[in-house]
């Protein structure tokens, strides 16, 4: 990786490398395809290197890089929408796979599949806060939205994910009819404050 300098001339090369896993994971959730996600990260890193002079010391590099990945994704998405509209072609791809034998892996696979069906705004909010552990304020700053909007998207994403994975609460009458040993234990969603 080439040397990268910010406004004060500090070399950021090693620091960029420390955040690659977070950038790749976030890009994969946005793009839903490993190859496209890697392309997105590469494009975002090129933009980060080109715009390194705009990075100021004391700023959180991870948030800055995630914001670049997000903005690059939005630019790509808008470009693709314009291309689809111009050509009149809409395409959708669905990937099917055989679930693993272990019950917990099946639930994880179902949860990931349900996550990928959420609108992009909800997916990115959920990933930044629940998976990457960012605070509401930091995640909202990365996405360029108010904290209240982020919290609303996060709430809708969690509700939709629970509904899609069967994690919602059942009415009391339904619960009393079931044998407690027949209930499937689902991993709880992580609540981040």
N, C-alpha and C. Protein backbone atom coordinates (compact mmCIF):
# COMPACT_ATOMS: atom_id res chain seq x y z
N UNK A 1 0.86 -1.18 0.00
CA UNK A 1 0.00 0.00 0.00
C UNK A 1 0.90 1.23 0.00
N UNK A 2 0.63 2.22 -0.84
CA UNK A 2 1.47 3.41 -0.91
C UNK A 2 1.35 4.25 0.35
N UNK A 3 2.33 5.10 0.57
CA UNK A 3 2.28 6.01 1.71
C UNK A 3 1.16 7.01 1.51
N UNK A 4 0.47 7.28 2.58
CA UNK A 4 -0.66 8.22 2.53
C UNK A 4 -0.42 9.26 3.60
N UNK A 5 -0.57 10.52 3.24
CA UNK A 5 -0.34 11.58 4.22
C UNK A 5 -1.58 12.44 4.35
N UNK A 6 -1.86 12.81 5.60
CA UNK A 6 -2.99 13.71 5.83
C UNK A 6 -2.47 15.15 5.86
N UNK A 7 -3.29 16.11 6.36
CA UNK A 7 -2.93 17.53 6.33
C UNK A 7 -1.60 17.82 7.02
N UNK A 8 -1.35 17.18 8.15
CA UNK A 8 -0.13 17.48 8.89
C UNK A 8 1.05 16.64 8.40
N UNK A 9 0.84 15.79 7.40
CA UNK A 9 1.93 15.00 6.84
C UNK A 9 2.11 13.66 7.53
N UNK A 10 1.26 13.30 8.46
CA UNK A 10 1.37 12.03 9.17
C UNK A 10 1.07 10.88 8.22
N UNK A 11 1.87 9.86 8.27
CA UNK A 11 1.66 8.71 7.39
C UNK A 11 0.51 7.86 7.96
N UNK A 12 -0.50 7.56 7.12
CA UNK A 12 -1.68 6.82 7.55
C UNK A 12 -1.69 5.39 7.02
N UNK A 13 -0.65 4.97 6.34
CA UNK A 13 -0.62 3.68 5.66
C UNK A 13 -0.98 2.53 6.60
N UNK A 14 -0.31 2.44 7.75
CA UNK A 14 -0.57 1.34 8.68
C UNK A 14 -1.96 1.44 9.28
N UNK A 15 -2.41 2.64 9.53
CA UNK A 15 -3.74 2.83 10.12
C UNK A 15 -4.85 2.38 9.18
N UNK A 16 -4.67 2.60 7.88
CA UNK A 16 -5.68 2.15 6.91
C UNK A 16 -5.81 0.64 6.95
N UNK A 17 -4.70 -0.05 7.02
CA UNK A 17 -4.71 -1.50 7.04
C UNK A 17 -5.42 -2.09 8.25
N UNK A 18 -5.42 -1.37 9.35
CA UNK A 18 -6.07 -1.85 10.57
C UNK A 18 -7.59 -1.90 10.44
N UNK A 19 -8.15 -1.16 9.52
CA UNK A 19 -9.60 -1.06 9.40
C UNK A 19 -10.17 -1.84 8.21
N UNK A 20 -9.34 -2.60 7.51
CA UNK A 20 -9.80 -3.30 6.32
C UNK A 20 -10.91 -4.31 6.62
N UNK A 21 -10.80 -5.06 7.72
CA UNK A 21 -11.83 -6.06 8.04
C UNK A 21 -13.19 -5.42 8.26
N UNK A 22 -13.21 -4.30 8.99
CA UNK A 22 -14.47 -3.60 9.24
C UNK A 22 -15.05 -3.08 7.92
N UNK A 23 -14.19 -2.52 7.08
CA UNK A 23 -14.66 -1.99 5.79
C UNK A 23 -15.20 -3.09 4.90
N UNK A 24 -14.52 -4.24 4.88
CA UNK A 24 -14.97 -5.36 4.05
C UNK A 24 -16.31 -5.92 4.54
N UNK A 25 -16.44 -6.05 5.86
CA UNK A 25 -17.69 -6.58 6.41
C UNK A 25 -18.86 -5.64 6.09
N UNK A 26 -18.64 -4.35 6.27
CA UNK A 26 -19.69 -3.37 5.99
C UNK A 26 -20.04 -3.37 4.51
N UNK A 27 -19.03 -3.43 3.66
CA UNK A 27 -19.27 -3.45 2.22
C UNK A 27 -20.02 -4.71 1.80
N UNK A 28 -19.72 -5.84 2.43
CA UNK A 28 -20.41 -7.09 2.09
C UNK A 28 -21.89 -7.00 2.43
N UNK A 29 -22.21 -6.39 3.54
CA UNK A 29 -23.63 -6.23 3.90
C UNK A 29 -24.32 -5.30 2.91
N UNK A 30 -23.64 -4.28 2.47
CA UNK A 30 -24.25 -3.35 1.52
C UNK A 30 -24.41 -3.97 0.14
N UNK A 31 -23.39 -4.66 -0.34
CA UNK A 31 -23.37 -5.16 -1.71
C UNK A 31 -23.99 -6.55 -1.87
N UNK A 32 -23.98 -7.37 -0.83
CA UNK A 32 -24.54 -8.72 -0.85
C UNK A 32 -23.76 -9.67 -1.75
N UNK A 33 -22.63 -9.28 -2.24
CA UNK A 33 -21.81 -10.11 -3.12
C UNK A 33 -20.35 -9.87 -2.75
N UNK A 34 -19.59 -10.93 -2.44
CA UNK A 34 -18.20 -10.74 -1.99
C UNK A 34 -17.32 -10.01 -3.00
N UNK A 35 -17.46 -10.33 -4.28
CA UNK A 35 -16.63 -9.68 -5.29
C UNK A 35 -16.97 -8.19 -5.42
N UNK A 36 -18.25 -7.88 -5.44
CA UNK A 36 -18.66 -6.48 -5.54
C UNK A 36 -18.28 -5.72 -4.27
N UNK A 37 -18.36 -6.41 -3.12
CA UNK A 37 -17.98 -5.78 -1.86
C UNK A 37 -16.49 -5.43 -1.88
N UNK A 38 -15.67 -6.34 -2.37
CA UNK A 38 -14.23 -6.08 -2.45
C UNK A 38 -13.96 -4.91 -3.41
N UNK A 39 -14.67 -4.86 -4.52
CA UNK A 39 -14.53 -3.74 -5.45
C UNK A 39 -14.91 -2.42 -4.77
N UNK A 40 -15.98 -2.46 -3.98
CA UNK A 40 -16.43 -1.26 -3.28
C UNK A 40 -15.36 -0.78 -2.30
N UNK A 41 -14.76 -1.71 -1.55
CA UNK A 41 -13.71 -1.35 -0.60
C UNK A 41 -12.51 -0.75 -1.34
N UNK A 42 -12.12 -1.38 -2.45
CA UNK A 42 -10.98 -0.87 -3.21
C UNK A 42 -11.26 0.54 -3.73
N UNK A 43 -12.45 0.75 -4.26
CA UNK A 43 -12.81 2.08 -4.77
C UNK A 43 -12.82 3.11 -3.63
N UNK A 44 -13.34 2.71 -2.47
CA UNK A 44 -13.38 3.62 -1.32
C UNK A 44 -11.97 3.94 -0.83
N UNK A 45 -11.07 2.94 -0.84
CA UNK A 45 -9.70 3.18 -0.40
C UNK A 45 -8.97 4.12 -1.37
N UNK A 46 -9.25 3.98 -2.66
CA UNK A 46 -8.66 4.90 -3.63
C UNK A 46 -9.12 6.32 -3.33
N UNK A 47 -10.42 6.47 -3.04
CA UNK A 47 -10.95 7.80 -2.71
C UNK A 47 -10.32 8.32 -1.42
N UNK A 48 -10.13 7.42 -0.44
CA UNK A 48 -9.52 7.83 0.84
C UNK A 48 -8.08 8.28 0.63
N UNK A 49 -7.35 7.55 -0.20
CA UNK A 49 -5.96 7.91 -0.47
C UNK A 49 -5.90 9.25 -1.21
N UNK A 50 -6.77 9.40 -2.21
CA UNK A 50 -6.80 10.66 -2.97
C UNK A 50 -7.22 11.83 -2.09
N UNK A 51 -8.11 11.58 -1.14
CA UNK A 51 -8.61 12.65 -0.29
C UNK A 51 -7.96 12.69 1.09
N UNK A 52 -6.81 12.05 1.24
CA UNK A 52 -6.16 11.98 2.55
C UNK A 52 -5.84 13.35 3.11
N UNK A 53 -5.62 14.31 2.26
CA UNK A 53 -5.30 15.66 2.75
C UNK A 53 -6.49 16.29 3.47
N UNK A 54 -7.70 15.77 3.24
CA UNK A 54 -8.88 16.31 3.93
C UNK A 54 -9.07 15.71 5.31
N UNK A 55 -8.30 14.66 5.62
CA UNK A 55 -8.41 14.03 6.94
C UNK A 55 -7.58 14.82 7.94
N UNK A 56 -8.20 15.19 9.06
CA UNK A 56 -7.50 15.96 10.08
C UNK A 56 -7.13 15.07 11.24
N UNK A 57 -5.97 15.35 11.85
CA UNK A 57 -5.53 14.59 13.01
C UNK A 57 -6.55 14.73 14.14
N UNK A 58 -6.71 13.67 14.89
CA UNK A 58 -7.65 13.67 15.99
C UNK A 58 -9.03 13.17 15.61
N UNK A 59 -9.30 13.06 14.34
CA UNK A 59 -10.57 12.55 13.85
C UNK A 59 -10.52 11.03 13.86
N UNK A 60 -11.65 10.39 14.05
CA UNK A 60 -11.72 8.93 14.07
C UNK A 60 -11.58 8.40 12.64
N UNK A 61 -10.47 7.73 12.37
CA UNK A 61 -10.19 7.23 11.02
C UNK A 61 -11.22 6.20 10.58
N UNK A 62 -11.66 5.33 11.50
CA UNK A 62 -12.64 4.30 11.15
C UNK A 62 -13.94 4.93 10.67
N UNK A 63 -14.43 5.93 11.38
CA UNK A 63 -15.66 6.60 10.98
C UNK A 63 -15.47 7.29 9.63
N UNK A 64 -14.33 7.90 9.42
CA UNK A 64 -14.05 8.58 8.16
C UNK A 64 -14.05 7.58 7.01
N UNK A 65 -13.41 6.43 7.20
CA UNK A 65 -13.35 5.41 6.15
C UNK A 65 -14.73 4.79 5.90
N UNK A 66 -15.48 4.51 6.96
CA UNK A 66 -16.82 3.96 6.80
C UNK A 66 -17.73 4.94 6.06
N UNK A 67 -17.56 6.21 6.34
CA UNK A 67 -18.36 7.22 5.63
C UNK A 67 -18.00 7.23 4.14
N UNK A 68 -16.73 7.04 3.83
CA UNK A 68 -16.31 6.99 2.42
C UNK A 68 -16.91 5.75 1.74
N UNK A 69 -16.89 4.60 2.44
CA UNK A 69 -17.49 3.38 1.88
C UNK A 69 -18.98 3.62 1.64
N UNK A 70 -19.65 4.20 2.62
CA UNK A 70 -21.09 4.47 2.49
C UNK A 70 -21.36 5.40 1.30
N UNK A 71 -20.62 6.48 1.21
CA UNK A 71 -20.84 7.44 0.11
C UNK A 71 -20.52 6.82 -1.24
N UNK A 72 -19.50 5.98 -1.29
CA UNK A 72 -19.16 5.30 -2.53
C UNK A 72 -20.28 4.34 -2.93
N UNK A 73 -20.83 3.64 -1.93
CA UNK A 73 -21.96 2.74 -2.20
C UNK A 73 -23.15 3.52 -2.73
N UNK A 74 -23.47 4.64 -2.09
CA UNK A 74 -24.61 5.47 -2.53
C UNK A 74 -24.40 5.96 -3.95
N UNK A 75 -23.18 6.40 -4.26
CA UNK A 75 -22.88 6.85 -5.63
C UNK A 75 -23.09 5.71 -6.63
N UNK A 76 -22.60 4.52 -6.29
CA UNK A 76 -22.76 3.37 -7.18
C UNK A 76 -24.23 3.03 -7.35
N UNK A 77 -24.97 3.04 -6.24
CA UNK A 77 -26.38 2.68 -6.27
C UNK A 77 -27.14 3.65 -7.16
N UNK A 78 -26.89 4.93 -7.01
CA UNK A 78 -27.57 5.92 -7.84
C UNK A 78 -27.22 5.75 -9.32
N UNK A 79 -25.96 5.46 -9.58
CA UNK A 79 -25.53 5.24 -10.96
C UNK A 79 -26.23 4.03 -11.56
N UNK A 80 -26.32 2.95 -10.77
CA UNK A 80 -27.00 1.74 -11.25
C UNK A 80 -28.48 1.99 -11.49
N UNK A 81 -29.11 2.74 -10.60
CA UNK A 81 -30.53 3.06 -10.77
C UNK A 81 -30.74 3.85 -12.06
N UNK A 82 -29.87 4.80 -12.33
CA UNK A 82 -30.00 5.60 -13.55
C UNK A 82 -29.81 4.72 -14.79
N UNK A 83 -28.84 3.80 -14.71
CA UNK A 83 -28.61 2.89 -15.84
C UNK A 83 -29.82 1.99 -16.07
N UNK A 84 -30.38 1.46 -14.99
CA UNK A 84 -31.55 0.59 -15.12
C UNK A 84 -32.74 1.34 -15.69
N UNK A 85 -32.92 2.55 -15.22
CA UNK A 85 -34.04 3.35 -15.72
C UNK A 85 -33.86 3.67 -17.19
N UNK A 86 -32.63 4.00 -17.59
CA UNK A 86 -32.36 4.35 -18.98
C UNK A 86 -32.56 3.16 -19.90
N UNK A 87 -32.16 2.00 -19.48
CA UNK A 87 -32.29 0.82 -20.33
C UNK A 87 -33.62 0.10 -20.14
N UNK A 88 -34.31 0.42 -19.06
CA UNK A 88 -35.60 -0.23 -18.81
C UNK A 88 -35.47 -1.66 -18.32
N UNK A 89 -34.30 -2.04 -17.86
CA UNK A 89 -34.09 -3.41 -17.41
C UNK A 89 -34.01 -3.45 -15.89
N UNK A 90 -34.76 -4.32 -15.31
CA UNK A 90 -34.67 -4.56 -13.88
C UNK A 90 -34.32 -6.04 -13.68
N UNK A 91 -33.35 -6.26 -12.87
CA UNK A 91 -32.98 -7.66 -12.65
C UNK A 91 -32.88 -7.91 -11.15
N UNK A 92 -33.22 -9.11 -10.79
CA UNK A 92 -33.08 -9.50 -9.39
C UNK A 92 -32.42 -10.86 -9.34
N UNK A 93 -31.60 -11.03 -8.38
CA UNK A 93 -30.88 -12.29 -8.23
C UNK A 93 -31.19 -12.86 -6.85
N UNK A 94 -31.44 -14.14 -6.84
CA UNK A 94 -31.68 -14.81 -5.57
C UNK A 94 -30.73 -15.99 -5.47
N UNK A 95 -30.07 -16.04 -4.39
CA UNK A 95 -29.15 -17.16 -4.18
C UNK A 95 -29.79 -18.15 -3.21
N UNK A 96 -29.72 -19.39 -3.59
CA UNK A 96 -30.23 -20.43 -2.72
C UNK A 96 -29.08 -21.33 -2.33
N UNK A 97 -29.07 -21.75 -1.11
CA UNK A 97 -28.04 -22.65 -0.63
C UNK A 97 -28.63 -23.67 0.31
N UNK A 98 -27.95 -24.74 0.48
CA UNK A 98 -28.44 -25.74 1.41
C UNK A 98 -27.99 -25.36 2.81
N UNK A 99 -28.90 -25.40 3.76
CA UNK A 99 -28.56 -24.99 5.12
C UNK A 99 -27.65 -26.03 5.79
N UNK A 100 -26.80 -25.57 6.68
CA UNK A 100 -25.93 -26.50 7.40
C UNK A 100 -26.74 -27.43 8.30
N UNK A 101 -26.11 -28.49 8.74
CA UNK A 101 -26.79 -29.48 9.56
C UNK A 101 -27.08 -28.98 10.98
N UNK A 102 -26.23 -28.14 11.51
CA UNK A 102 -26.41 -27.68 12.89
C UNK A 102 -27.53 -26.66 12.97
N UNK A 103 -28.37 -26.81 13.96
CA UNK A 103 -29.54 -25.94 14.14
C UNK A 103 -29.13 -24.48 14.30
N UNK A 104 -28.07 -24.23 15.05
CA UNK A 104 -27.65 -22.84 15.26
C UNK A 104 -27.18 -22.21 13.95
N UNK A 105 -26.54 -22.98 13.10
CA UNK A 105 -26.10 -22.46 11.80
C UNK A 105 -27.30 -22.19 10.90
N UNK A 106 -28.32 -23.01 11.02
CA UNK A 106 -29.54 -22.78 10.24
C UNK A 106 -30.17 -21.46 10.66
N UNK A 107 -30.26 -21.24 11.97
CA UNK A 107 -30.85 -19.98 12.46
C UNK A 107 -30.00 -18.79 12.04
N UNK A 108 -28.68 -18.94 12.11
CA UNK A 108 -27.81 -17.86 11.69
C UNK A 108 -28.00 -17.58 10.20
N UNK A 109 -28.05 -18.63 9.41
CA UNK A 109 -28.28 -18.46 7.97
C UNK A 109 -29.61 -17.78 7.68
N UNK A 110 -30.65 -18.17 8.43
CA UNK A 110 -31.96 -17.56 8.24
C UNK A 110 -31.93 -16.09 8.64
N UNK A 111 -31.22 -15.79 9.71
CA UNK A 111 -31.11 -14.41 10.17
C UNK A 111 -30.36 -13.56 9.14
N UNK A 112 -29.28 -14.10 8.61
CA UNK A 112 -28.52 -13.35 7.59
C UNK A 112 -29.36 -13.17 6.34
N UNK A 113 -30.07 -14.22 5.93
CA UNK A 113 -30.94 -14.10 4.76
C UNK A 113 -32.02 -13.05 5.00
N UNK A 114 -32.60 -13.04 6.20
CA UNK A 114 -33.62 -12.04 6.52
C UNK A 114 -33.00 -10.64 6.55
N UNK A 115 -31.78 -10.52 7.07
CA UNK A 115 -31.09 -9.23 7.09
C UNK A 115 -30.91 -8.70 5.68
N UNK A 116 -30.57 -9.58 4.76
CA UNK A 116 -30.31 -9.16 3.38
C UNK A 116 -31.59 -8.74 2.64
N UNK A 117 -32.76 -9.11 3.18
CA UNK A 117 -34.02 -8.68 2.54
C UNK A 117 -34.47 -7.31 3.02
N UNK A 118 -33.86 -6.79 4.07
CA UNK A 118 -34.23 -5.48 4.59
C UNK A 118 -33.79 -4.40 3.62
N UNK A 119 -34.49 -3.27 3.63
CA UNK A 119 -34.03 -2.14 2.80
C UNK A 119 -32.63 -1.71 3.22
N UNK A 120 -31.87 -1.18 2.30
CA UNK A 120 -30.46 -0.85 2.55
C UNK A 120 -30.31 0.11 3.73
N UNK A 121 -31.22 1.05 3.89
CA UNK A 121 -31.12 2.01 4.99
C UNK A 121 -31.19 1.29 6.34
N UNK A 122 -32.08 0.30 6.42
CA UNK A 122 -32.22 -0.45 7.67
C UNK A 122 -31.02 -1.38 7.88
N UNK A 123 -30.57 -2.03 6.79
CA UNK A 123 -29.41 -2.94 6.90
C UNK A 123 -28.19 -2.21 7.41
N UNK A 124 -27.88 -1.07 6.80
CA UNK A 124 -26.66 -0.38 7.18
C UNK A 124 -26.74 0.14 8.62
N UNK A 125 -27.90 0.60 9.06
CA UNK A 125 -28.05 1.06 10.44
C UNK A 125 -27.84 -0.10 11.41
N UNK A 126 -28.46 -1.24 11.10
CA UNK A 126 -28.36 -2.41 11.97
C UNK A 126 -26.93 -2.93 12.04
N UNK A 127 -26.25 -2.97 10.92
CA UNK A 127 -24.88 -3.48 10.90
C UNK A 127 -23.93 -2.57 11.66
N UNK A 128 -24.02 -1.27 11.42
CA UNK A 128 -23.11 -0.35 12.10
C UNK A 128 -23.29 -0.38 13.61
N UNK A 129 -24.54 -0.42 14.07
CA UNK A 129 -24.79 -0.35 15.50
C UNK A 129 -24.69 -1.73 16.16
N UNK A 130 -25.39 -2.72 15.61
CA UNK A 130 -25.46 -4.02 16.28
C UNK A 130 -24.23 -4.89 16.05
N UNK A 131 -23.66 -4.87 14.85
CA UNK A 131 -22.52 -5.73 14.57
C UNK A 131 -21.18 -5.05 14.81
N UNK A 132 -21.05 -3.82 14.35
CA UNK A 132 -19.77 -3.12 14.51
C UNK A 132 -19.66 -2.39 15.84
N UNK A 133 -20.75 -2.31 16.59
CA UNK A 133 -20.70 -1.73 17.94
C UNK A 133 -20.54 -0.22 17.97
N UNK A 134 -20.91 0.44 16.91
CA UNK A 134 -20.79 1.90 16.89
C UNK A 134 -21.91 2.52 17.72
N UNK A 135 -21.63 3.67 18.29
CA UNK A 135 -22.68 4.39 19.02
C UNK A 135 -23.66 4.96 18.00
N UNK A 136 -24.84 5.33 18.48
CA UNK A 136 -25.84 5.91 17.60
C UNK A 136 -25.28 7.16 16.92
N UNK A 137 -24.62 7.99 17.71
CA UNK A 137 -24.09 9.25 17.19
C UNK A 137 -23.06 8.98 16.09
N UNK A 138 -22.14 8.06 16.34
CA UNK A 138 -21.09 7.77 15.35
C UNK A 138 -21.69 7.16 14.08
N UNK A 139 -22.63 6.24 14.25
CA UNK A 139 -23.26 5.61 13.08
C UNK A 139 -24.04 6.65 12.27
N UNK A 140 -24.75 7.52 12.96
CA UNK A 140 -25.50 8.57 12.27
C UNK A 140 -24.56 9.50 11.51
N UNK A 141 -23.42 9.81 12.11
CA UNK A 141 -22.44 10.66 11.45
C UNK A 141 -21.88 9.97 10.20
N UNK A 142 -21.60 8.68 10.30
CA UNK A 142 -21.10 7.93 9.14
C UNK A 142 -22.10 7.95 8.00
N UNK A 143 -23.37 7.83 8.33
CA UNK A 143 -24.41 7.77 7.30
C UNK A 143 -24.88 9.14 6.87
N UNK A 144 -24.48 10.17 7.61
CA UNK A 144 -24.88 11.52 7.26
C UNK A 144 -26.34 11.80 7.53
N UNK A 145 -26.88 11.21 8.61
CA UNK A 145 -28.28 11.40 8.96
C UNK A 145 -28.38 11.80 10.43
N UNK A 146 -29.52 12.38 10.85
CA UNK A 146 -29.70 12.70 12.27
C UNK A 146 -29.79 11.43 13.11
N UNK A 147 -29.45 11.55 14.39
CA UNK A 147 -29.48 10.40 15.30
C UNK A 147 -30.89 9.83 15.40
N UNK A 148 -31.90 10.69 15.43
CA UNK A 148 -33.29 10.23 15.50
C UNK A 148 -33.68 9.38 14.30
N UNK A 149 -33.21 9.77 13.13
CA UNK A 149 -33.49 9.00 11.92
C UNK A 149 -32.82 7.64 12.01
N UNK A 150 -31.58 7.62 12.50
CA UNK A 150 -30.87 6.36 12.66
C UNK A 150 -31.63 5.44 13.62
N UNK A 151 -32.07 6.00 14.75
CA UNK A 151 -32.78 5.20 15.74
C UNK A 151 -34.09 4.65 15.17
N UNK A 152 -34.78 5.45 14.38
CA UNK A 152 -36.02 5.00 13.74
C UNK A 152 -35.74 3.85 12.78
N UNK A 153 -34.70 4.01 11.95
CA UNK A 153 -34.34 2.94 11.00
C UNK A 153 -33.93 1.68 11.73
N UNK A 154 -33.19 1.87 12.81
CA UNK A 154 -32.72 0.73 13.61
C UNK A 154 -33.90 0.00 14.23
N UNK A 155 -34.87 0.73 14.75
CA UNK A 155 -36.05 0.11 15.35
C UNK A 155 -36.86 -0.66 14.32
N UNK A 156 -37.05 -0.05 13.15
CA UNK A 156 -37.78 -0.74 12.09
C UNK A 156 -37.02 -1.98 11.61
N UNK A 157 -35.71 -1.88 11.55
CA UNK A 157 -34.89 -3.02 11.10
C UNK A 157 -34.99 -4.16 12.11
N UNK A 158 -34.91 -3.86 13.37
CA UNK A 158 -35.00 -4.90 14.40
C UNK A 158 -36.37 -5.57 14.39
N UNK A 159 -37.43 -4.74 14.27
CA UNK A 159 -38.78 -5.31 14.22
C UNK A 159 -38.96 -6.20 13.00
N UNK A 160 -38.49 -5.75 11.86
CA UNK A 160 -38.62 -6.53 10.63
C UNK A 160 -37.82 -7.82 10.72
N UNK A 161 -36.63 -7.74 11.29
CA UNK A 161 -35.79 -8.92 11.43
C UNK A 161 -36.43 -9.93 12.37
N UNK A 162 -36.99 -9.45 13.46
CA UNK A 162 -37.68 -10.36 14.39
C UNK A 162 -38.88 -11.02 13.70
N UNK A 163 -39.62 -10.24 12.94
CA UNK A 163 -40.80 -10.79 12.25
C UNK A 163 -40.39 -11.83 11.21
N UNK A 164 -39.32 -11.56 10.49
CA UNK A 164 -38.88 -12.48 9.43
C UNK A 164 -38.26 -13.75 9.98
N UNK A 165 -37.67 -13.68 11.17
CA UNK A 165 -37.02 -14.86 11.75
C UNK A 165 -37.90 -15.56 12.77
N UNK A 166 -39.13 -15.06 12.97
CA UNK A 166 -40.01 -15.69 13.95
C UNK A 166 -39.62 -15.37 15.38
N UNK A 167 -38.87 -14.30 15.56
CA UNK A 167 -38.40 -13.93 16.89
C UNK A 167 -39.37 -13.06 17.66
N UNK A 168 -40.52 -12.76 17.06
CA UNK A 168 -41.51 -11.93 17.74
C UNK A 168 -42.20 -12.70 18.85
N UNK A 169 -42.82 -12.00 19.74
CA UNK A 169 -43.53 -12.65 20.84
C UNK A 169 -44.86 -13.21 20.36
N UNK A 170 -45.20 -14.37 20.89
CA UNK A 170 -46.47 -14.99 20.55
C UNK A 170 -47.53 -14.56 21.57
N UNK A 171 -48.78 -14.53 21.16
CA UNK A 171 -49.83 -14.24 22.13
C UNK A 171 -49.82 -15.28 23.25
N UNK A 172 -50.30 -14.88 24.44
CA UNK A 172 -50.26 -15.76 25.60
C UNK A 172 -51.01 -17.06 25.35
N UNK A 173 -52.13 -17.02 24.62
CA UNK A 173 -52.91 -18.23 24.37
C UNK A 173 -52.10 -19.24 23.55
N UNK A 174 -51.29 -18.78 22.60
CA UNK A 174 -50.48 -19.68 21.80
C UNK A 174 -49.36 -20.30 22.63
N UNK A 175 -48.81 -19.55 23.57
CA UNK A 175 -47.69 -20.04 24.36
C UNK A 175 -48.14 -21.11 25.34
N UNK A 176 -49.35 -20.98 25.88
CA UNK A 176 -49.80 -21.95 26.87
C UNK A 176 -50.10 -23.31 26.24
N UNK A 177 -50.44 -23.33 24.95
CA UNK A 177 -50.75 -24.59 24.26
C UNK A 177 -49.51 -25.40 23.93
N UNK A 178 -48.36 -24.79 23.99
CA UNK A 178 -47.14 -25.48 23.59
C UNK A 178 -46.42 -26.08 24.79
N UNK A 179 -45.78 -27.17 24.52
CA UNK A 179 -44.91 -27.79 25.50
C UNK A 179 -43.61 -26.99 25.51
N UNK A 180 -43.10 -26.58 26.69
CA UNK A 180 -41.88 -25.77 26.73
C UNK A 180 -40.70 -26.45 26.04
N UNK A 181 -40.65 -27.75 26.03
CA UNK A 181 -39.53 -28.44 25.39
C UNK A 181 -39.63 -28.39 23.86
N UNK A 182 -40.84 -28.06 23.32
CA UNK A 182 -41.02 -27.97 21.87
C UNK A 182 -40.59 -26.62 21.31
N UNK A 183 -40.39 -25.64 22.18
CA UNK A 183 -40.02 -24.31 21.71
C UNK A 183 -38.58 -24.31 21.20
N UNK A 184 -38.38 -23.68 20.09
CA UNK A 184 -37.04 -23.56 19.52
C UNK A 184 -36.36 -22.36 20.14
N UNK A 185 -35.18 -22.55 20.68
CA UNK A 185 -34.43 -21.45 21.28
C UNK A 185 -33.69 -20.70 20.18
N UNK A 186 -33.99 -19.44 20.02
CA UNK A 186 -33.32 -18.62 19.03
C UNK A 186 -32.32 -17.72 19.75
N UNK A 187 -31.21 -17.47 19.13
CA UNK A 187 -30.25 -16.56 19.77
C UNK A 187 -30.86 -15.17 19.85
N UNK A 188 -30.68 -14.49 20.98
CA UNK A 188 -31.26 -13.14 21.12
C UNK A 188 -30.51 -12.14 20.26
N UNK A 189 -31.24 -11.10 19.83
CA UNK A 189 -30.60 -10.02 19.11
C UNK A 189 -29.81 -9.20 20.11
N UNK A 190 -28.67 -8.72 19.70
CA UNK A 190 -27.82 -7.94 20.58
C UNK A 190 -28.38 -6.54 20.70
N UNK A 191 -28.59 -6.06 21.91
CA UNK A 191 -29.11 -4.73 22.14
C UNK A 191 -27.91 -3.82 22.45
N UNK A 192 -27.75 -2.79 21.67
CA UNK A 192 -26.63 -1.87 21.84
C UNK A 192 -27.18 -0.55 22.32
N UNK A 193 -26.56 -0.01 23.34
CA UNK A 193 -27.01 1.28 23.88
C UNK A 193 -26.12 2.39 23.43
